[in-house]
Amino acid sequence: MEKLPVGRILGVDVGTVRTGVAVSDENGFLASALCTIKVSGIHPIANAIREKALEKNVKLIVIGNPVNMNGTIGESSERIKLLRDALAEICDIPTVLFDERCTTMAAHSILNMTDTRGKKRKAVIDNLSAEIILQDYLDSRRSNLR
């Protein structure tokens, strides 16, 4: 059985206004919300992600890839690829894109169950989405080793 590399992993959910960031534990089992980045533009977002990655000493960055529900690549996914490329230019940490279909819907469902509304909901939706993306990635890595 292949052993997963040990080290923190950063999860990123890029939105149109805010970017949610989550980080895993040292063993790569559990994702936790970290922060919200409130800058726009490919290069400013890439710089902010790089700073968080270096701050947390991560070994991998996972960026949610908004693939269309039918599996095709749209404008949002192309933008994420540009972000990945910009990040690769300024950072030596490997970056992977991870299919994030239904992540935002899952985050909204969780917030509905916890009756989180209004400003508080806006404040946590991006972080929660990043946390779900990262946890899904971590779970998929473990299940692929079985």
N, C-alpha and C. Protein backbone atom coordinates (compact mmCIF):
# COMPACT_ATOMS: atom_id res chain seq x y z
N MET A 1 0.84 -1.19 0.00
CA MET A 1 0.00 0.00 0.00
C MET A 1 0.88 1.25 0.00
N GLU A 2 0.61 2.17 -0.91
CA GLU A 2 1.36 3.41 -1.02
C GLU A 2 1.07 4.31 0.17
N LYS A 3 2.12 4.92 0.70
CA LYS A 3 1.95 5.83 1.83
C LYS A 3 1.80 7.26 1.32
N LEU A 4 0.82 7.98 1.84
CA LEU A 4 0.61 9.37 1.45
C LEU A 4 1.71 10.24 2.05
N PRO A 5 2.19 11.23 1.29
CA PRO A 5 3.20 12.13 1.85
C PRO A 5 2.63 12.89 3.03
N VAL A 6 3.47 13.08 4.04
CA VAL A 6 3.03 13.77 5.25
C VAL A 6 3.29 15.27 5.10
N GLY A 7 2.35 16.06 5.52
CA GLY A 7 2.50 17.52 5.48
C GLY A 7 1.16 18.18 5.26
N ARG A 8 1.10 19.41 5.59
CA ARG A 8 -0.14 20.18 5.43
C ARG A 8 -0.45 20.42 3.96
N ILE A 9 -1.75 20.49 3.66
CA ILE A 9 -2.23 20.78 2.32
C ILE A 9 -3.17 21.97 2.43
N LEU A 10 -3.06 22.88 1.49
CA LEU A 10 -3.92 24.06 1.46
C LEU A 10 -5.04 23.83 0.45
N GLY A 11 -6.27 24.13 0.83
CA GLY A 11 -7.42 24.04 -0.07
C GLY A 11 -7.93 25.43 -0.38
N VAL A 12 -8.28 25.67 -1.64
CA VAL A 12 -8.67 27.01 -2.08
C VAL A 12 -9.97 26.94 -2.88
N ASP A 13 -10.91 27.82 -2.54
CA ASP A 13 -12.14 27.99 -3.31
C ASP A 13 -12.18 29.44 -3.78
N VAL A 14 -11.94 29.63 -5.08
CA VAL A 14 -11.88 30.97 -5.64
C VAL A 14 -13.28 31.40 -6.05
N GLY A 15 -13.72 32.50 -5.48
CA GLY A 15 -15.02 33.07 -5.84
C GLY A 15 -14.85 34.33 -6.66
N THR A 16 -15.95 34.94 -7.01
CA THR A 16 -15.87 36.17 -7.79
C THR A 16 -15.49 37.37 -6.93
N VAL A 17 -15.82 37.32 -5.64
CA VAL A 17 -15.52 38.42 -4.74
C VAL A 17 -14.50 38.03 -3.67
N ARG A 18 -14.65 36.83 -3.13
CA ARG A 18 -13.80 36.35 -2.06
C ARG A 18 -13.23 34.98 -2.41
N THR A 19 -12.09 34.64 -1.80
CA THR A 19 -11.46 33.34 -1.96
C THR A 19 -11.35 32.69 -0.60
N GLY A 20 -11.97 31.53 -0.44
CA GLY A 20 -11.89 30.81 0.82
C GLY A 20 -10.66 29.93 0.85
N VAL A 21 -10.06 29.82 2.03
CA VAL A 21 -8.85 29.03 2.19
C VAL A 21 -9.02 28.11 3.40
N ALA A 22 -8.61 26.85 3.21
CA ALA A 22 -8.63 25.87 4.29
C ALA A 22 -7.27 25.19 4.33
N VAL A 23 -6.96 24.57 5.45
CA VAL A 23 -5.68 23.87 5.59
C VAL A 23 -5.93 22.53 6.28
N SER A 24 -5.12 21.55 5.91
CA SER A 24 -5.26 20.23 6.55
C SER A 24 -4.36 20.16 7.77
N ASP A 25 -4.58 19.12 8.56
CA ASP A 25 -3.65 18.84 9.65
C ASP A 25 -2.36 18.28 9.04
N GLU A 26 -1.37 18.08 9.86
CA GLU A 26 -0.05 17.62 9.42
C GLU A 26 -0.09 16.26 8.72
N ASN A 27 -1.05 15.42 9.10
CA ASN A 27 -1.15 14.08 8.52
C ASN A 27 -2.07 14.01 7.31
N GLY A 28 -2.70 15.11 6.95
CA GLY A 28 -3.56 15.14 5.77
C GLY A 28 -4.86 14.38 5.94
N PHE A 29 -5.42 14.39 7.15
CA PHE A 29 -6.69 13.70 7.40
C PHE A 29 -7.88 14.63 7.52
N LEU A 30 -7.68 15.81 8.10
CA LEU A 30 -8.80 16.68 8.42
C LEU A 30 -8.57 18.09 7.91
N ALA A 31 -9.56 18.63 7.22
CA ALA A 31 -9.49 20.00 6.71
C ALA A 31 -10.18 20.95 7.69
N SER A 32 -9.60 22.14 7.82
CA SER A 32 -10.19 23.18 8.68
C SER A 32 -10.13 24.50 7.94
N ALA A 33 -11.19 25.30 8.08
CA ALA A 33 -11.22 26.62 7.47
C ALA A 33 -10.07 27.45 8.03
N LEU A 34 -9.47 28.25 7.18
CA LEU A 34 -8.34 29.07 7.60
C LEU A 34 -8.67 30.57 7.53
N CYS A 35 -9.05 31.05 6.35
CA CYS A 35 -9.30 32.48 6.21
C CYS A 35 -10.01 32.77 4.89
N THR A 36 -10.35 34.02 4.71
CA THR A 36 -10.91 34.50 3.45
C THR A 36 -9.98 35.55 2.89
N ILE A 37 -9.66 35.39 1.61
CA ILE A 37 -8.82 36.37 0.92
C ILE A 37 -9.77 37.31 0.18
N LYS A 38 -9.58 38.60 0.39
CA LYS A 38 -10.49 39.58 -0.20
C LYS A 38 -9.77 40.48 -1.18
N VAL A 39 -9.09 39.87 -2.15
CA VAL A 39 -8.48 40.61 -3.24
C VAL A 39 -9.03 40.03 -4.54
N SER A 40 -8.93 40.78 -5.62
CA SER A 40 -9.41 40.26 -6.90
C SER A 40 -8.29 40.36 -7.92
N GLY A 41 -8.44 39.60 -8.98
CA GLY A 41 -7.42 39.54 -10.02
C GLY A 41 -6.54 38.33 -9.84
N ILE A 42 -6.15 37.74 -10.94
CA ILE A 42 -5.37 36.49 -10.91
C ILE A 42 -4.08 36.64 -10.09
N HIS A 43 -3.28 37.65 -10.39
CA HIS A 43 -1.98 37.79 -9.72
C HIS A 43 -2.09 38.16 -8.25
N PRO A 44 -2.97 39.08 -7.85
CA PRO A 44 -3.13 39.34 -6.41
C PRO A 44 -3.62 38.10 -5.64
N ILE A 45 -4.53 37.34 -6.23
CA ILE A 45 -5.01 36.12 -5.56
C ILE A 45 -3.86 35.12 -5.44
N ALA A 46 -3.10 34.94 -6.53
CA ALA A 46 -1.96 34.01 -6.51
C ALA A 46 -0.96 34.41 -5.42
N ASN A 47 -0.66 35.70 -5.32
CA ASN A 47 0.27 36.18 -4.28
C ASN A 47 -0.26 35.90 -2.88
N ALA A 48 -1.55 36.12 -2.67
CA ALA A 48 -2.14 35.89 -1.35
C ALA A 48 -2.13 34.40 -1.00
N ILE A 49 -2.43 33.55 -1.98
CA ILE A 49 -2.39 32.10 -1.75
C ILE A 49 -0.96 31.67 -1.41
N ARG A 50 0.00 32.18 -2.17
CA ARG A 50 1.41 31.86 -1.91
C ARG A 50 1.79 32.22 -0.47
N GLU A 51 1.39 33.41 -0.03
CA GLU A 51 1.71 33.84 1.34
C GLU A 51 1.13 32.89 2.39
N LYS A 52 -0.14 32.50 2.19
CA LYS A 52 -0.78 31.57 3.15
C LYS A 52 -0.08 30.21 3.11
N ALA A 53 0.28 29.75 1.92
CA ALA A 53 0.95 28.46 1.78
C ALA A 53 2.30 28.45 2.48
N LEU A 54 3.05 29.53 2.32
CA LEU A 54 4.36 29.62 2.99
C LEU A 54 4.19 29.76 4.50
N GLU A 55 3.20 30.54 4.90
CA GLU A 55 2.93 30.75 6.33
C GLU A 55 2.62 29.43 7.03
N LYS A 56 1.86 28.57 6.35
CA LYS A 56 1.44 27.29 6.95
C LYS A 56 2.36 26.13 6.57
N ASN A 57 3.42 26.42 5.80
CA ASN A 57 4.40 25.40 5.41
C ASN A 57 3.73 24.19 4.75
N VAL A 58 2.88 24.46 3.76
CA VAL A 58 2.15 23.38 3.11
C VAL A 58 3.01 22.69 2.06
N LYS A 59 2.68 21.45 1.77
CA LYS A 59 3.41 20.64 0.78
C LYS A 59 2.67 20.56 -0.55
N LEU A 60 1.38 20.97 -0.56
CA LEU A 60 0.55 20.89 -1.75
C LEU A 60 -0.56 21.91 -1.64
N ILE A 61 -0.96 22.47 -2.79
CA ILE A 61 -2.09 23.40 -2.85
C ILE A 61 -3.15 22.77 -3.75
N VAL A 62 -4.38 22.67 -3.25
CA VAL A 62 -5.50 22.12 -4.00
C VAL A 62 -6.46 23.26 -4.29
N ILE A 63 -6.69 23.51 -5.57
CA ILE A 63 -7.60 24.58 -5.97
C ILE A 63 -8.85 23.96 -6.56
N GLY A 64 -10.01 24.36 -6.05
CA GLY A 64 -11.27 23.88 -6.59
C GLY A 64 -11.43 24.29 -8.04
N ASN A 65 -11.75 23.31 -8.89
CA ASN A 65 -11.93 23.56 -10.33
C ASN A 65 -13.41 23.49 -10.65
N PRO A 66 -14.03 24.63 -11.01
CA PRO A 66 -15.47 24.66 -11.25
C PRO A 66 -15.86 24.09 -12.62
N VAL A 67 -15.73 22.78 -12.74
CA VAL A 67 -16.12 22.08 -13.97
C VAL A 67 -17.65 22.16 -14.07
N ASN A 68 -18.16 22.33 -15.28
CA ASN A 68 -19.61 22.36 -15.49
C ASN A 68 -20.23 21.02 -15.09
N MET A 69 -21.51 21.04 -14.76
CA MET A 69 -22.19 19.81 -14.31
C MET A 69 -22.12 18.69 -15.36
N ASN A 70 -22.03 19.04 -16.64
CA ASN A 70 -21.94 18.01 -17.69
C ASN A 70 -20.50 17.60 -17.97
N GLY A 71 -19.56 18.10 -17.16
CA GLY A 71 -18.17 17.70 -17.29
C GLY A 71 -17.34 18.57 -18.23
N THR A 72 -17.95 19.56 -18.86
CA THR A 72 -17.20 20.42 -19.76
C THR A 72 -16.49 21.52 -18.98
N ILE A 73 -15.51 22.12 -19.66
CA ILE A 73 -14.73 23.19 -19.06
C ILE A 73 -15.31 24.53 -19.53
N GLY A 74 -15.64 25.38 -18.59
CA GLY A 74 -16.21 26.69 -18.92
C GLY A 74 -15.24 27.81 -18.61
N GLU A 75 -15.76 29.03 -18.68
CA GLU A 75 -14.96 30.22 -18.44
C GLU A 75 -14.36 30.25 -17.04
N SER A 76 -15.13 29.84 -16.04
CA SER A 76 -14.63 29.84 -14.66
C SER A 76 -13.47 28.88 -14.49
N SER A 77 -13.57 27.72 -15.11
CA SER A 77 -12.49 26.73 -15.03
C SER A 77 -11.24 27.23 -15.75
N GLU A 78 -11.42 27.91 -16.86
CA GLU A 78 -10.27 28.48 -17.58
C GLU A 78 -9.57 29.52 -16.71
N ARG A 79 -10.36 30.30 -15.96
CA ARG A 79 -9.79 31.30 -15.05
C ARG A 79 -8.97 30.63 -13.95
N ILE A 80 -9.45 29.51 -13.46
CA ILE A 80 -8.72 28.77 -12.41
C ILE A 80 -7.40 28.24 -12.96
N LYS A 81 -7.40 27.80 -14.20
CA LYS A 81 -6.15 27.33 -14.82
C LYS A 81 -5.14 28.47 -14.94
N LEU A 82 -5.62 29.67 -15.25
CA LEU A 82 -4.73 30.83 -15.30
C LEU A 82 -4.15 31.13 -13.92
N LEU A 83 -4.99 30.97 -12.89
CA LEU A 83 -4.53 31.17 -11.51
C LEU A 83 -3.46 30.13 -11.16
N ARG A 84 -3.70 28.88 -11.51
CA ARG A 84 -2.72 27.82 -11.25
C ARG A 84 -1.39 28.16 -11.92
N ASP A 85 -1.45 28.61 -13.17
CA ASP A 85 -0.23 28.96 -13.90
C ASP A 85 0.49 30.15 -13.26
N ALA A 86 -0.27 31.15 -12.82
CA ALA A 86 0.32 32.31 -12.15
C ALA A 86 0.97 31.90 -10.84
N LEU A 87 0.34 31.00 -10.13
CA LEU A 87 0.89 30.50 -8.87
C LEU A 87 2.18 29.72 -9.11
N ALA A 88 2.21 28.92 -10.17
CA ALA A 88 3.40 28.14 -10.50
C ALA A 88 4.60 29.04 -10.80
N GLU A 89 4.34 30.23 -11.33
CA GLU A 89 5.42 31.18 -11.65
C GLU A 89 6.08 31.77 -10.41
N ILE A 90 5.35 31.83 -9.30
CA ILE A 90 5.87 32.51 -8.11
C ILE A 90 6.07 31.58 -6.92
N CYS A 91 5.76 30.30 -7.09
CA CYS A 91 5.74 29.38 -5.95
C CYS A 91 6.17 27.99 -6.39
N ASP A 92 7.05 27.36 -5.61
CA ASP A 92 7.53 26.01 -5.93
C ASP A 92 6.65 24.91 -5.35
N ILE A 93 5.59 25.25 -4.67
CA ILE A 93 4.72 24.24 -4.06
C ILE A 93 3.83 23.66 -5.16
N PRO A 94 3.77 22.34 -5.29
CA PRO A 94 2.91 21.74 -6.32
C PRO A 94 1.45 22.13 -6.11
N THR A 95 0.75 22.30 -7.23
CA THR A 95 -0.65 22.70 -7.21
C THR A 95 -1.46 21.74 -8.07
N VAL A 96 -2.60 21.29 -7.54
CA VAL A 96 -3.50 20.45 -8.32
C VAL A 96 -4.87 21.10 -8.37
N LEU A 97 -5.57 20.84 -9.47
CA LEU A 97 -6.96 21.27 -9.59
C LEU A 97 -7.84 20.09 -9.22
N PHE A 98 -8.89 20.36 -8.44
CA PHE A 98 -9.78 19.30 -7.97
C PHE A 98 -11.21 19.67 -8.28
N ASP A 99 -11.93 18.78 -8.92
CA ASP A 99 -13.32 19.01 -9.33
C ASP A 99 -14.15 19.42 -8.12
N GLU A 100 -14.74 20.59 -8.21
CA GLU A 100 -15.51 21.11 -7.07
C GLU A 100 -17.02 21.12 -7.32
N ARG A 101 -17.46 20.35 -8.32
CA ARG A 101 -18.91 20.34 -8.60
C ARG A 101 -19.69 20.04 -7.33
N CYS A 102 -20.72 20.80 -7.11
CA CYS A 102 -21.67 20.65 -5.99
C CYS A 102 -21.12 21.11 -4.64
N THR A 103 -19.89 21.60 -4.59
CA THR A 103 -19.32 22.04 -3.31
C THR A 103 -20.10 23.20 -2.72
N THR A 104 -20.40 24.20 -3.51
CA THR A 104 -21.13 25.36 -3.00
C THR A 104 -22.53 24.95 -2.55
N MET A 105 -23.16 24.03 -3.29
CA MET A 105 -24.48 23.54 -2.88
C MET A 105 -24.38 22.82 -1.54
N ALA A 106 -23.33 22.03 -1.35
CA ALA A 106 -23.14 21.33 -0.08
C ALA A 106 -22.92 22.33 1.05
N ALA A 107 -22.14 23.36 0.79
CA ALA A 107 -21.91 24.39 1.81
C ALA A 107 -23.20 25.10 2.17
N HIS A 108 -24.02 25.44 1.17
CA HIS A 108 -25.31 26.08 1.46
C HIS A 108 -26.22 25.15 2.27
N SER A 109 -26.20 23.86 1.97
CA SER A 109 -27.01 22.90 2.73
C SER A 109 -26.58 22.85 4.19
N ILE A 110 -25.28 22.85 4.42
CA ILE A 110 -24.78 22.83 5.80
C ILE A 110 -25.20 24.10 6.53
N LEU A 111 -25.08 25.25 5.86
CA LEU A 111 -25.46 26.51 6.49
C LEU A 111 -26.96 26.58 6.73
N ASN A 112 -27.76 25.98 5.85
CA ASN A 112 -29.20 25.91 6.08
C ASN A 112 -29.51 25.06 7.31
N MET A 113 -28.82 23.93 7.44
CA MET A 113 -29.05 23.05 8.60
C MET A 113 -28.68 23.72 9.90
N THR A 114 -27.67 24.59 9.86
CA THR A 114 -27.24 25.28 11.08
C THR A 114 -27.91 26.63 11.24
N ASP A 115 -28.86 26.94 10.35
CA ASP A 115 -29.62 28.18 10.38
C ASP A 115 -28.72 29.42 10.38
N THR A 116 -27.66 29.35 9.57
CA THR A 116 -26.75 30.49 9.43
C THR A 116 -27.28 31.39 8.32
N ARG A 117 -27.53 32.63 8.65
CA ARG A 117 -28.18 33.55 7.71
C ARG A 117 -27.44 34.88 7.63
N GLY A 118 -27.79 35.67 6.62
CA GLY A 118 -27.36 37.06 6.48
C GLY A 118 -25.86 37.25 6.35
N LYS A 119 -25.35 38.26 7.04
CA LYS A 119 -23.93 38.61 6.95
C LYS A 119 -23.04 37.48 7.43
N LYS A 120 -23.49 36.77 8.45
CA LYS A 120 -22.70 35.67 8.97
C LYS A 120 -22.53 34.59 7.90
N ARG A 121 -23.57 34.35 7.12
CA ARG A 121 -23.53 33.34 6.05
C ARG A 121 -22.49 33.74 4.99
N LYS A 122 -22.51 35.01 4.58
CA LYS A 122 -21.54 35.49 3.58
C LYS A 122 -20.12 35.34 4.10
N ALA A 123 -19.95 35.55 5.39
CA ALA A 123 -18.62 35.50 5.98
C ALA A 123 -18.02 34.09 5.99
N VAL A 124 -18.87 33.07 6.04
CA VAL A 124 -18.34 31.71 6.19
C VAL A 124 -18.48 30.83 4.95
N ILE A 125 -19.28 31.23 3.97
CA ILE A 125 -19.56 30.35 2.83
C ILE A 125 -18.31 29.99 2.04
N ASP A 126 -17.42 30.94 1.82
CA ASP A 126 -16.21 30.68 1.04
C ASP A 126 -15.25 29.78 1.80
N ASN A 127 -15.09 30.02 3.09
CA ASN A 127 -14.23 29.16 3.91
C ASN A 127 -14.78 27.75 3.98
N LEU A 128 -16.08 27.64 4.16
CA LEU A 128 -16.70 26.32 4.23
C LEU A 128 -16.54 25.58 2.90
N SER A 129 -16.70 26.28 1.79
CA SER A 129 -16.52 25.66 0.48
C SER A 129 -15.07 25.17 0.32
N ALA A 130 -14.10 25.97 0.74
CA ALA A 130 -12.70 25.56 0.67
C ALA A 130 -12.45 24.33 1.54
N GLU A 131 -13.07 24.33 2.71
CA GLU A 131 -12.93 23.20 3.63
C GLU A 131 -13.51 21.93 3.01
N ILE A 132 -14.66 22.03 2.36
CA ILE A 132 -15.29 20.87 1.72
C ILE A 132 -14.43 20.37 0.56
N ILE A 133 -13.92 21.29 -0.26
CA ILE A 133 -13.05 20.91 -1.38
C ILE A 133 -11.84 20.14 -0.85
N LEU A 134 -11.20 20.69 0.16
CA LEU A 134 -10.00 20.05 0.70
C LEU A 134 -10.33 18.71 1.35
N GLN A 135 -11.41 18.63 2.12
CA GLN A 135 -11.77 17.37 2.75
C GLN A 135 -12.11 16.31 1.70
N ASP A 136 -12.83 16.70 0.65
CA ASP A 136 -13.14 15.77 -0.44
C ASP A 136 -11.85 15.27 -1.10
N TYR A 137 -10.90 16.18 -1.30
CA TYR A 137 -9.62 15.79 -1.89
C TYR A 137 -8.88 14.80 -0.98
N LEU A 138 -8.81 15.11 0.31
CA LEU A 138 -8.13 14.23 1.26
C LEU A 138 -8.79 12.85 1.29
N ASP A 139 -10.11 12.83 1.32
CA ASP A 139 -10.85 11.56 1.34
C ASP A 139 -10.61 10.76 0.06
N SER A 140 -10.57 11.45 -1.08
CA SER A 140 -10.36 10.75 -2.35
C SER A 140 -8.95 10.17 -2.43
N ARG A 141 -7.98 10.86 -1.88
CA ARG A 141 -6.60 10.32 -1.86
C ARG A 141 -6.54 9.04 -1.05
N ARG A 142 -7.20 9.05 0.09
CA ARG A 142 -7.18 7.85 0.94
C ARG A 142 -7.91 6.69 0.28
N SER A 143 -9.05 6.98 -0.35
CA SER A 143 -9.82 5.90 -0.96
C SER A 143 -9.12 5.34 -2.20
N ASN A 144 -8.30 6.15 -2.88
CA ASN A 144 -7.55 5.66 -4.04
C ASN A 144 -6.42 4.73 -3.65
N LEU A 145 -6.05 4.74 -2.39
CA LEU A 145 -4.96 3.87 -1.94
C LEU A 145 -5.45 2.48 -1.54
N ARG A 146 -6.76 2.31 -1.45
CA ARG A 146 -7.30 1.01 -1.02
C ARG A 146 -7.32 0.03 -2.15
